[in-house]
Amino acid sequence: MTKQLQDIFKGFSKLSREERLKALKEVGALNEAEADYLAKGGLKDTSLGEKFIENVIGYFQLPLGVVTNMRVDGKDFVVPMAVEETSIVAACSKTAKWIRESGSITTEVVGNEIIGQIQLAKIRSFADFEKQILAQKNYLIEAANREVAFGLVRRGGGVRDLHVRRVPRGDGSDMAVIHILMDPCDAMGANIVNQVCEYLKEPIEQFTGEKVTMCILSNLVDSKVTRAVVRIDDIDPELAEKIEEASLFAQMDPYRAATNNKGVLNGIDPILIATGNDWRAVEAGIHAYACRDGQYRSITRWYREGKSLVGVFEAPLVVGTVGGVTTLHPTAMLSMKMLDTKSANELSRIIAAVGLVQNLGALKALTTVGIIEGHMKLHTKNLALGAGAEEKEIPLVQKKLEEILAIRKRISLSNAIDVLKELRAAQKTPASTTQHHS
């Protein structure tokens, strides 16, 4: 499949939608029924939506595209993205091609356990509480695995450990928090870890005589961190230095870090959405991890190493390939098939790699031509649509907007409205003149 993917990646963006679907069928990324499903606009029947949420009135649909040229750990991937923002797919594909030709992407997941929290808001003595819990630690873990997480245990996962944390209340006393560490295998694990925590509430209260106040997972999963590394060899030294400086800016200044991390999430969120994963949970975890030393910082770092530029992404990125929407929504199932991965860790590594690649594309643009040129050039179609242009008018409005952009270095919806007015006036003029003379 690798060689065939390489073949279809060439000129993929120049193909029509029908030709892209055909190309994906030819490499086995889609079958006939899946391509037909996409060609007809995806999910129409709202009965599935009724099963997911309450008060359903319809679907909100996003464009689904694919990133090309992504090679992660030596394997090619067709990466689906559900996203509305212009230039994300194009910039990622272009940057992935650069890396593919001049470097590499390697990834790993460090750690396996997600975290569940059991809080006891008020306790008599933290030292006594900790001693009582640690004395029952093995019993609590075995009971949770036997009564609740037995399915995970069969698949090689389950509860692995528990820690007791002292958290100051701010009023001079402490609360106690028990962390349950659980390997969720290929599931995200939110529901099962919540069930484990709820189950342990009763024995914890019996052993300690204290009152459990709440049980819930944590999205700050620093016990399972995904790492992606991009290396580009023989890079222009001036460009490498500019990107290194841009990275330092995002490391040191939280105002810049917020925008930098949004750019990384431009690559991450669309895959989470396409595959039916919980993007709110991943975003919360990444942002919390980004300020783990007390200041909000970039979750990526770029630095020079000899003649190479090296970039690193490191953050919690907990996803699932089984359970939830991933295996219920037909478009999510189709996206998972295109990715050709059944491992949650591999999916996490691909997503981290795409986030880092997206970040590199943005930093390169920002430190060379600026973000406007590429983004706004692709944004001209949105402006034409926003101005009310009809299908046949869009290319003409786009062409004129590109001319304005080249001269003025900026364009807006006002420009698009003016261009459309001029276009329609010019088209009416010959007819009016003819009528007048007749």
Protein backbone atom coordinates (compact mmCIF):
# COMPACT_ATOMS: atom_id res chain seq x y z
CA MET A 1 0.00 0.00 0.00
CA THR A 2 2.94 2.35 0.74
CA LYS A 3 4.09 2.60 -2.86
CA GLN A 4 0.54 3.15 -4.06
CA LEU A 5 -0.05 5.90 -1.52
CA GLN A 6 3.08 7.65 -2.73
CA ASP A 7 1.66 7.53 -6.22
CA ILE A 8 -1.72 9.03 -5.39
CA PHE A 9 -0.20 11.73 -3.19
CA LYS A 10 1.32 13.32 -6.29
CA GLY A 11 -1.07 16.01 -7.53
CA PHE A 12 -3.86 14.84 -5.22
CA SER A 13 -5.04 18.40 -4.55
CA LYS A 14 -5.44 19.05 -8.28
CA LEU A 15 -7.94 16.21 -8.68
CA SER A 16 -11.69 16.64 -8.61
CA ARG A 17 -13.56 15.20 -5.61
CA GLU A 18 -14.69 12.25 -7.71
CA GLU A 19 -11.11 11.59 -8.80
CA ARG A 20 -9.86 11.76 -5.21
CA LEU A 21 -12.44 9.20 -4.10
CA LYS A 22 -11.45 6.99 -7.02
CA ALA A 23 -7.77 7.28 -6.08
CA LEU A 24 -8.50 6.33 -2.46
CA LYS A 25 -10.48 3.33 -3.69
CA GLU A 26 -7.58 2.25 -5.89
CA VAL A 27 -5.23 2.04 -2.89
CA GLY A 28 -7.84 0.33 -0.71
CA ALA A 29 -8.31 3.25 1.68
CA LEU A 30 -12.01 3.23 0.77
CA ASN A 31 -14.30 0.61 -0.70
CA GLU A 32 -17.11 1.22 -3.19
CA ALA A 33 -19.81 1.64 -0.53
CA GLU A 34 -17.69 4.03 1.55
CA ALA A 35 -16.83 6.18 -1.45
CA ASP A 36 -20.50 6.25 -2.42
CA TYR A 37 -21.44 7.24 1.15
CA LEU A 38 -19.05 10.20 1.00
CA ALA A 39 -20.07 11.14 -2.54
CA LYS A 40 -23.69 11.40 -1.39
CA GLY A 41 -22.80 13.70 1.50
CA GLY A 42 -22.39 11.29 4.38
CA LEU A 43 -24.83 10.62 7.18
CA LYS A 44 -28.43 11.67 6.46
CA ASP A 45 -30.51 9.62 8.89
CA THR A 46 -30.87 11.52 12.19
CA SER A 47 -31.81 8.41 14.16
CA LEU A 48 -28.15 7.86 15.08
CA GLY A 49 -27.94 11.42 16.38
CA GLU A 50 -30.96 10.68 18.60
CA LYS A 51 -28.90 7.93 20.22
CA PHE A 52 -25.98 10.26 20.97
CA ILE A 53 -27.59 13.38 22.44
CA GLU A 54 -30.92 14.86 23.50
CA ASN A 55 -33.22 17.27 21.63
CA VAL A 56 -31.74 16.40 18.23
CA ILE A 57 -32.86 18.59 15.33
CA GLY A 58 -30.27 17.63 12.70
CA TYR A 59 -26.54 17.37 11.99
CA PHE A 60 -23.85 20.07 11.80
CA GLN A 61 -21.58 18.98 8.96
CA LEU A 62 -17.93 19.87 8.50
CA PRO A 63 -15.81 19.34 5.38
CA LEU A 64 -13.82 16.09 5.50
CA GLY A 65 -10.44 16.17 3.75
CA VAL A 66 -7.27 14.10 3.81
CA VAL A 67 -3.69 15.12 4.51
CA THR A 68 -1.25 13.68 2.02
CA ASN A 69 2.46 12.91 2.27
CA MET A 70 2.31 11.97 5.97
CA ARG A 71 5.00 9.41 6.71
CA VAL A 72 5.29 8.58 10.41
CA ASP A 73 7.87 6.10 11.71
CA GLY A 74 8.51 5.05 8.12
CA LYS A 75 4.86 4.24 7.37
CA ASP A 76 2.61 6.22 5.03
CA PHE A 77 -0.83 7.30 6.23
CA VAL A 78 -3.94 8.81 4.68
CA VAL A 79 -4.93 11.19 7.47
CA PRO A 80 -8.57 12.35 7.59
CA MET A 81 -9.38 15.84 8.86
CA ALA A 82 -12.83 17.24 9.65
CA VAL A 83 -12.30 20.99 9.68
CA GLU A 84 -13.67 24.20 8.24
CA GLU A 85 -10.61 26.47 8.48
CA THR A 86 -9.02 27.32 5.17
CA SER A 87 -5.41 26.27 4.58
CA ILE A 88 -5.06 23.71 7.41
CA VAL A 89 -5.14 20.64 5.15
CA ALA A 90 -3.12 22.33 2.39
CA ALA A 91 -0.43 23.64 4.77
CA CYS A 92 -0.10 20.31 6.55
CA SER A 93 0.17 18.35 3.30
CA LYS A 94 2.76 20.78 1.91
CA THR A 95 4.86 20.68 5.08
CA ALA A 96 4.57 16.90 5.29
CA LYS A 97 5.94 16.71 1.75
CA TRP A 98 8.91 18.89 2.75
CA ILE A 99 9.68 16.60 5.70
CA ARG A 100 9.16 13.48 3.60
CA GLU A 101 11.75 14.71 1.09
CA SER A 102 14.26 16.17 3.56
CA GLY A 103 13.82 14.49 6.91
CA SER A 104 11.80 12.18 9.10
CA ILE A 105 9.09 11.91 11.76
CA THR A 106 9.51 9.55 14.71
CA THR A 107 7.09 9.04 17.58
CA GLU A 108 6.58 7.21 20.85
CA VAL A 109 4.16 6.97 23.76
CA VAL A 110 5.74 7.15 27.21
CA GLY A 111 3.61 5.50 29.91
CA ASN A 112 0.34 3.59 29.65
CA GLU A 113 -1.91 4.64 32.51
CA ILE A 114 -4.76 7.13 32.58
CA ILE A 115 -5.78 8.76 35.87
CA GLY A 116 -8.98 8.63 37.93
CA GLN A 117 -9.40 10.89 40.95
CA ILE A 118 -11.20 10.20 44.23
CA GLN A 119 -11.51 13.31 46.39
CA LEU A 120 -12.09 13.54 50.13
CA ALA A 121 -12.62 17.24 50.71
CA LYS A 122 -12.20 17.21 54.50
CA ILE A 123 -10.21 14.66 56.50
CA ARG A 124 -9.18 14.51 60.13
CA SER A 125 -5.51 13.66 59.52
CA PHE A 126 -3.82 13.30 56.13
CA ALA A 127 -0.99 11.19 57.58
CA ASP A 128 -3.46 8.71 59.12
CA PHE A 129 -5.56 8.64 55.96
CA GLU A 130 -2.55 7.96 53.73
CA LYS A 131 -1.35 5.18 56.01
CA GLN A 132 -4.78 3.50 56.01
CA ILE A 133 -5.13 3.65 52.20
CA LEU A 134 -1.62 2.40 51.46
CA ALA A 135 -2.22 -0.51 53.86
CA GLN A 136 -5.20 -1.55 51.68
CA LYS A 137 -3.63 -0.66 48.35
CA ASN A 138 -3.30 -4.16 46.94
CA TYR A 139 -6.80 -5.11 48.08
CA LEU A 140 -8.32 -2.01 46.45
CA ILE A 141 -6.50 -2.63 43.14
CA GLU A 142 -7.42 -6.33 43.05
CA ALA A 143 -11.06 -5.58 43.92
CA ALA A 144 -11.34 -2.92 41.20
CA ASN A 145 -9.84 -5.28 38.61
CA ARG A 146 -12.01 -8.20 39.70
CA GLU A 147 -15.35 -6.37 40.00
CA VAL A 148 -15.15 -3.55 37.43
CA ALA A 149 -12.15 -3.59 35.10
CA PHE A 150 -12.17 -7.35 34.41
CA GLY A 151 -12.68 -6.77 30.68
CA LEU A 152 -9.55 -4.61 30.51
CA VAL A 153 -7.64 -7.19 32.55
CA ARG A 154 -8.52 -9.85 29.96
CA ARG A 155 -7.08 -7.57 27.24
CA GLY A 156 -3.88 -6.95 29.20
CA GLY A 157 -4.91 -3.71 30.95
CA GLY A 158 -6.67 -2.74 34.16
CA VAL A 159 -5.85 -0.85 37.35
CA ARG A 160 -2.08 -0.81 37.93
CA ASP A 161 -1.47 1.44 40.88
CA LEU A 162 -2.85 4.08 43.22
CA HIS A 163 -1.28 7.12 44.83
CA VAL A 164 -2.44 9.33 47.68
CA ARG A 165 -1.96 13.09 47.24
CA ARG A 166 -2.18 15.91 49.76
CA VAL A 167 -3.81 18.99 48.21
CA PRO A 168 -3.90 22.20 50.31
CA ARG A 169 -7.41 23.62 50.62
CA GLY A 170 -6.19 27.20 50.97
CA ASP A 171 -7.74 27.54 54.44
CA GLY A 172 -4.85 25.97 56.36
CA SER A 173 -6.13 22.39 56.10
CA ASP A 174 -5.75 19.70 53.42
CA MET A 175 -7.93 17.59 51.21
CA ALA A 176 -6.92 14.07 50.22
CA VAL A 177 -6.99 12.88 46.61
CA ILE A 178 -6.43 9.29 45.54
CA HIS A 179 -5.12 8.79 42.00
CA ILE A 180 -6.16 5.55 40.34
CA LEU A 181 -3.75 4.61 37.53
CA MET A 182 -5.32 2.35 34.91
CA ASP A 183 -4.19 0.97 31.54
CA PRO A 184 -7.21 1.35 29.21
CA CYS A 185 -5.66 -0.67 26.32
CA ASP A 186 -7.12 0.70 23.06
CA ALA A 187 -10.04 2.57 24.67
CA MET A 188 -9.91 6.15 25.85
CA GLY A 189 -11.06 4.69 29.15
CA ALA A 190 -13.09 7.59 30.55
CA ASN A 191 -16.19 5.58 31.42
CA ILE A 192 -14.40 2.60 32.89
CA VAL A 193 -12.04 4.64 35.09
CA ASN A 194 -15.02 6.63 36.37
CA GLN A 195 -16.76 3.35 37.23
CA VAL A 196 -13.65 2.09 39.03
CA CYS A 197 -13.46 5.27 41.12
CA GLU A 198 -17.16 5.08 41.99
CA TYR A 199 -16.79 1.41 42.97
CA LEU A 200 -13.86 2.17 45.31
CA LYS A 201 -15.81 4.87 47.12
CA GLU A 202 -17.48 2.45 49.55
CA PRO A 203 -14.41 0.42 50.64
CA ILE A 204 -12.36 3.61 51.02
CA GLU A 205 -14.99 5.08 53.33
CA GLN A 206 -15.16 1.80 55.29
CA PHE A 207 -11.38 1.55 55.72
CA THR A 208 -10.84 5.18 56.72
CA GLY A 209 -14.09 6.41 58.25
CA GLU A 210 -13.76 9.47 56.00
CA LYS A 211 -16.28 10.72 53.43
CA VAL A 212 -15.61 10.57 49.66
CA THR A 213 -16.90 13.76 48.03
CA MET A 214 -16.44 13.06 44.31
CA CYS A 215 -14.99 10.64 41.77
CA ILE A 216 -13.94 11.59 38.22
CA LEU A 217 -11.15 11.00 35.72
CA SER A 218 -8.46 13.62 35.13
CA ASN A 219 -7.71 14.90 31.64
CA LEU A 220 -4.21 15.90 32.72
CA VAL A 221 -2.76 12.49 31.93
CA ASP A 222 0.93 13.16 32.55
CA SER A 223 1.32 9.44 33.22
CA LYS A 224 0.83 8.77 29.48
CA VAL A 225 2.59 11.27 27.22
CA THR A 226 2.85 11.16 23.44
CA ARG A 227 6.05 12.39 21.84
CA ALA A 228 6.70 13.24 18.18
CA VAL A 229 10.02 14.38 16.74
CA VAL A 230 10.53 15.98 13.33
CA ARG A 231 14.03 16.27 11.92
CA ILE A 232 14.87 18.16 8.72
CA ASP A 233 18.39 17.73 7.41
CA ASP A 234 20.54 20.26 5.53
CA ILE A 235 18.05 23.05 6.12
CA ASP A 236 18.79 26.65 5.13
CA PRO A 237 20.64 27.95 8.25
CA GLU A 238 18.84 31.30 8.14
CA LEU A 239 15.42 29.62 8.05
CA ALA A 240 16.41 27.25 10.85
CA GLU A 241 17.46 30.15 13.04
CA LYS A 242 14.22 32.02 12.35
CA ILE A 243 12.14 28.98 13.33
CA GLU A 244 14.27 28.44 16.44
CA GLU A 245 13.71 32.06 17.46
CA ALA A 246 9.96 31.77 16.81
CA SER A 247 9.90 28.67 19.01
CA LEU A 248 11.73 30.49 21.80
CA PHE A 249 9.13 33.27 21.59
CA ALA A 250 6.36 30.71 22.19
CA GLN A 251 8.33 29.08 25.01
CA MET A 252 8.83 32.30 26.92
CA ASP A 253 5.69 34.37 26.23
CA PRO A 254 2.25 32.95 27.15
CA TYR A 255 0.53 35.35 24.75
CA ARG A 256 2.47 33.85 21.85
CA ALA A 257 2.26 30.34 23.35
CA ALA A 258 -1.56 30.42 23.23
CA THR A 259 -1.55 31.15 19.49
CA ASN A 260 1.27 28.71 18.82
CA ASN A 261 -0.62 25.93 20.60
CA LYS A 262 -3.81 26.81 18.76
CA GLY A 263 -1.83 26.24 15.56
CA VAL A 264 -0.70 22.83 16.82
CA LEU A 265 -4.30 21.98 17.66
CA ASN A 266 -5.24 23.00 14.11
CA GLY A 267 -3.61 19.71 13.18
CA ILE A 268 -4.83 17.68 16.15
CA ASP A 269 -8.51 18.58 16.56
CA PRO A 270 -9.63 17.79 12.99
CA ILE A 271 -8.34 14.21 13.32
CA LEU A 272 -9.97 13.80 16.73
CA ILE A 273 -13.28 14.96 15.26
CA ALA A 274 -12.95 12.80 12.14
CA THR A 275 -12.26 9.69 14.22
CA GLY A 276 -14.99 10.38 16.80
CA ASN A 277 -12.58 11.05 19.66
CA ASP A 278 -13.18 13.53 22.48
CA TRP A 279 -11.36 16.68 21.36
CA ARG A 280 -12.45 18.64 24.46
CA ALA A 281 -10.68 16.13 26.70
CA VAL A 282 -7.49 16.22 24.62
CA GLU A 283 -7.48 20.02 24.45
CA ALA A 284 -7.98 20.31 28.23
CA GLY A 285 -5.10 17.90 28.86
CA ILE A 286 -2.75 19.64 26.44
CA HIS A 287 -3.42 23.10 27.84
CA ALA A 288 -2.98 21.88 31.43
CA TYR A 289 0.28 20.14 30.47
CA ALA A 290 1.46 23.33 28.74
CA CYS A 291 1.54 25.15 32.09
CA ARG A 292 2.92 22.34 34.24
CA ASP A 293 5.84 24.47 35.46
CA GLY A 294 3.58 27.37 36.47
CA GLN A 295 3.65 29.28 33.16
CA TYR A 296 1.69 28.55 30.02
CA ARG A 297 4.22 27.58 27.33
CA SER A 298 4.43 26.14 23.84
CA ILE A 299 3.87 22.38 23.65
CA THR A 300 6.39 22.24 20.81
CA ARG A 301 10.10 23.11 20.74
CA TRP A 302 12.29 23.72 17.70
CA TYR A 303 16.06 23.90 17.82
CA ARG A 304 19.09 23.59 15.57
CA GLU A 305 21.31 20.54 15.82
CA GLY A 306 24.27 20.77 13.45
CA LYS A 307 22.85 21.27 9.96
CA SER A 308 19.46 19.93 11.03
CA LEU A 309 16.32 21.48 12.47
CA VAL A 310 14.65 19.37 15.18
CA GLY A 311 11.12 19.82 16.50
CA VAL A 312 9.54 18.06 19.47
CA PHE A 313 5.90 17.75 20.52
CA GLU A 314 5.25 16.29 23.94
CA ALA A 315 1.88 16.24 25.71
CA PRO A 316 -0.89 13.91 26.90
CA LEU A 317 -2.93 12.77 23.91
CA VAL A 318 -5.31 10.08 25.10
CA VAL A 319 -7.51 8.65 22.35
CA GLY A 320 -9.38 5.44 21.66
CA THR A 321 -9.89 3.12 18.72
CA VAL A 322 -12.68 1.14 20.37
CA GLY A 323 -15.84 2.24 22.10
CA GLY A 324 -17.88 5.44 21.86
CA VAL A 325 -18.48 7.36 18.67
CA THR A 326 -15.33 5.91 17.08
CA THR A 327 -17.07 2.61 16.42
CA LEU A 328 -20.64 3.92 16.07
CA HIS A 329 -20.54 6.86 13.66
CA PRO A 330 -20.10 5.67 10.05
CA THR A 331 -17.84 8.59 9.09
CA ALA A 332 -15.62 7.99 12.14
CA MET A 333 -15.42 4.30 11.27
CA LEU A 334 -14.53 5.18 7.69
CA SER A 335 -11.87 7.64 8.91
CA MET A 336 -10.34 4.96 11.12
CA LYS A 337 -10.23 2.63 8.14
CA MET A 338 -8.43 5.22 6.03
CA LEU A 339 -5.86 5.64 8.80
CA ASP A 340 -5.34 1.89 8.78
CA THR A 341 -4.62 1.65 12.49
CA LYS A 342 -6.33 -0.26 15.28
CA SER A 343 -3.95 0.73 18.04
CA ALA A 344 -4.83 3.68 20.29
CA ASN A 345 -1.15 4.39 20.84
CA GLU A 346 -0.44 4.49 17.11
CA LEU A 347 -3.41 6.80 16.54
CA SER A 348 -2.10 9.07 19.30
CA ARG A 349 1.35 9.11 17.69
CA ILE A 350 -0.04 9.98 14.24
CA ILE A 351 -2.08 12.83 15.72
CA ALA A 352 0.94 14.19 17.62
CA ALA A 353 3.00 14.05 14.42
CA VAL A 354 0.36 15.95 12.45
CA GLY A 355 0.15 18.61 15.18
CA LEU A 356 3.92 19.09 15.03
CA VAL A 357 3.94 19.19 11.23
CA GLN A 358 1.13 21.78 11.27
CA ASN A 359 3.18 23.84 13.72
CA LEU A 360 6.24 23.73 11.46
CA GLY A 361 4.20 24.88 8.47
CA ALA A 362 2.87 27.86 10.42
CA LEU A 363 6.29 28.83 11.83
CA LYS A 364 7.88 28.64 8.39
CA ALA A 365 5.19 30.89 6.92
CA LEU A 366 5.31 33.33 9.84
CA THR A 367 9.07 33.73 9.64
CA THR A 368 9.26 34.07 5.85
CA VAL A 369 6.32 35.30 3.75
CA GLY A 370 3.93 35.88 6.68
CA ILE A 371 0.71 34.08 7.47
CA ILE A 372 -1.48 36.24 5.25
CA GLU A 373 -0.17 35.30 1.83
CA GLY A 374 -0.89 31.58 1.89
CA HIS A 375 -3.90 31.67 4.18
CA MET A 376 -5.72 34.54 2.48
CA LYS A 377 -5.00 33.21 -1.00
CA LEU A 378 -6.89 30.07 -0.06
CA HIS A 379 -9.45 32.16 1.82
CA THR A 380 -10.54 34.00 -1.34
CA LYS A 381 -13.17 31.34 -2.09
CA ASN A 382 -14.71 31.84 1.38
CA LEU A 383 -14.77 35.60 0.81
CA ALA A 384 -16.40 35.10 -2.59
CA LEU A 385 -19.04 32.87 -1.01
CA GLY A 386 -19.51 35.35 1.83
CA ALA A 387 -20.09 38.13 -0.68
CA GLY A 388 -22.86 36.08 -2.27
CA ALA A 389 -21.12 34.96 -5.44
CA GLU A 390 -22.79 32.18 -7.39
CA GLU A 391 -20.89 29.07 -8.49
CA LYS A 392 -19.95 30.45 -11.94
CA GLU A 393 -18.91 33.80 -10.43
CA ILE A 394 -16.59 32.39 -7.75
CA PRO A 395 -13.49 31.80 -9.96
CA LEU A 396 -13.77 35.32 -11.40
CA VAL A 397 -14.10 36.92 -7.95
CA GLN A 398 -11.22 34.78 -6.64
CA LYS A 399 -8.94 35.83 -9.49
CA LYS A 400 -9.62 39.51 -8.88
CA LEU A 401 -9.14 39.10 -5.11
CA GLU A 402 -5.78 37.43 -5.70
CA GLU A 403 -4.74 40.41 -7.81
CA ILE A 404 -5.77 42.78 -5.02
CA LEU A 405 -3.92 40.64 -2.46
CA ALA A 406 -0.75 40.69 -4.55
CA ILE A 407 -0.81 44.49 -4.74
CA ARG A 408 -2.17 45.53 -1.33
CA LYS A 409 -1.02 42.51 0.74
CA ARG A 410 -4.48 42.32 2.35
CA ILE A 411 -8.06 41.60 1.34
CA SER A 412 -11.38 41.56 3.14
CA LEU A 413 -15.05 40.74 2.65
CA SER A 414 -15.59 44.36 1.58
CA ASN A 415 -13.19 43.80 -1.31
CA ALA A 416 -15.11 40.69 -2.32
CA ILE A 417 -18.45 42.55 -2.23
CA ASP A 418 -17.02 45.39 -4.33
CA VAL A 419 -15.50 42.96 -6.84
CA LEU A 420 -18.79 41.08 -7.16
CA LYS A 421 -20.73 44.31 -7.71
CA GLU A 422 -18.29 45.39 -10.42
CA LEU A 423 -18.45 41.98 -12.04
CA ARG A 424 -22.25 41.94 -12.18
CA ALA A 425 -22.38 45.54 -13.37
CA ALA A 426 -19.94 44.73 -16.18
CA GLN A 427 -22.01 41.70 -17.18
CA LYS A 428 -25.21 43.77 -17.32
CA THR A 429 -23.79 46.68 -19.28
CA PRO A 430 -23.80 45.15 -22.79
CA ALA A 431 -27.37 43.91 -22.42
CA SER A 432 -28.62 47.29 -21.12
CA THR A 433 -26.86 49.09 -23.91
CA THR A 434 -28.33 46.77 -26.50
CA GLN A 435 -31.82 47.23 -25.07
CA HIS A 436 -31.41 51.04 -25.05
CA HIS A 437 -30.44 51.13 -28.72
CA SER A 438 -33.26 48.83 -29.72
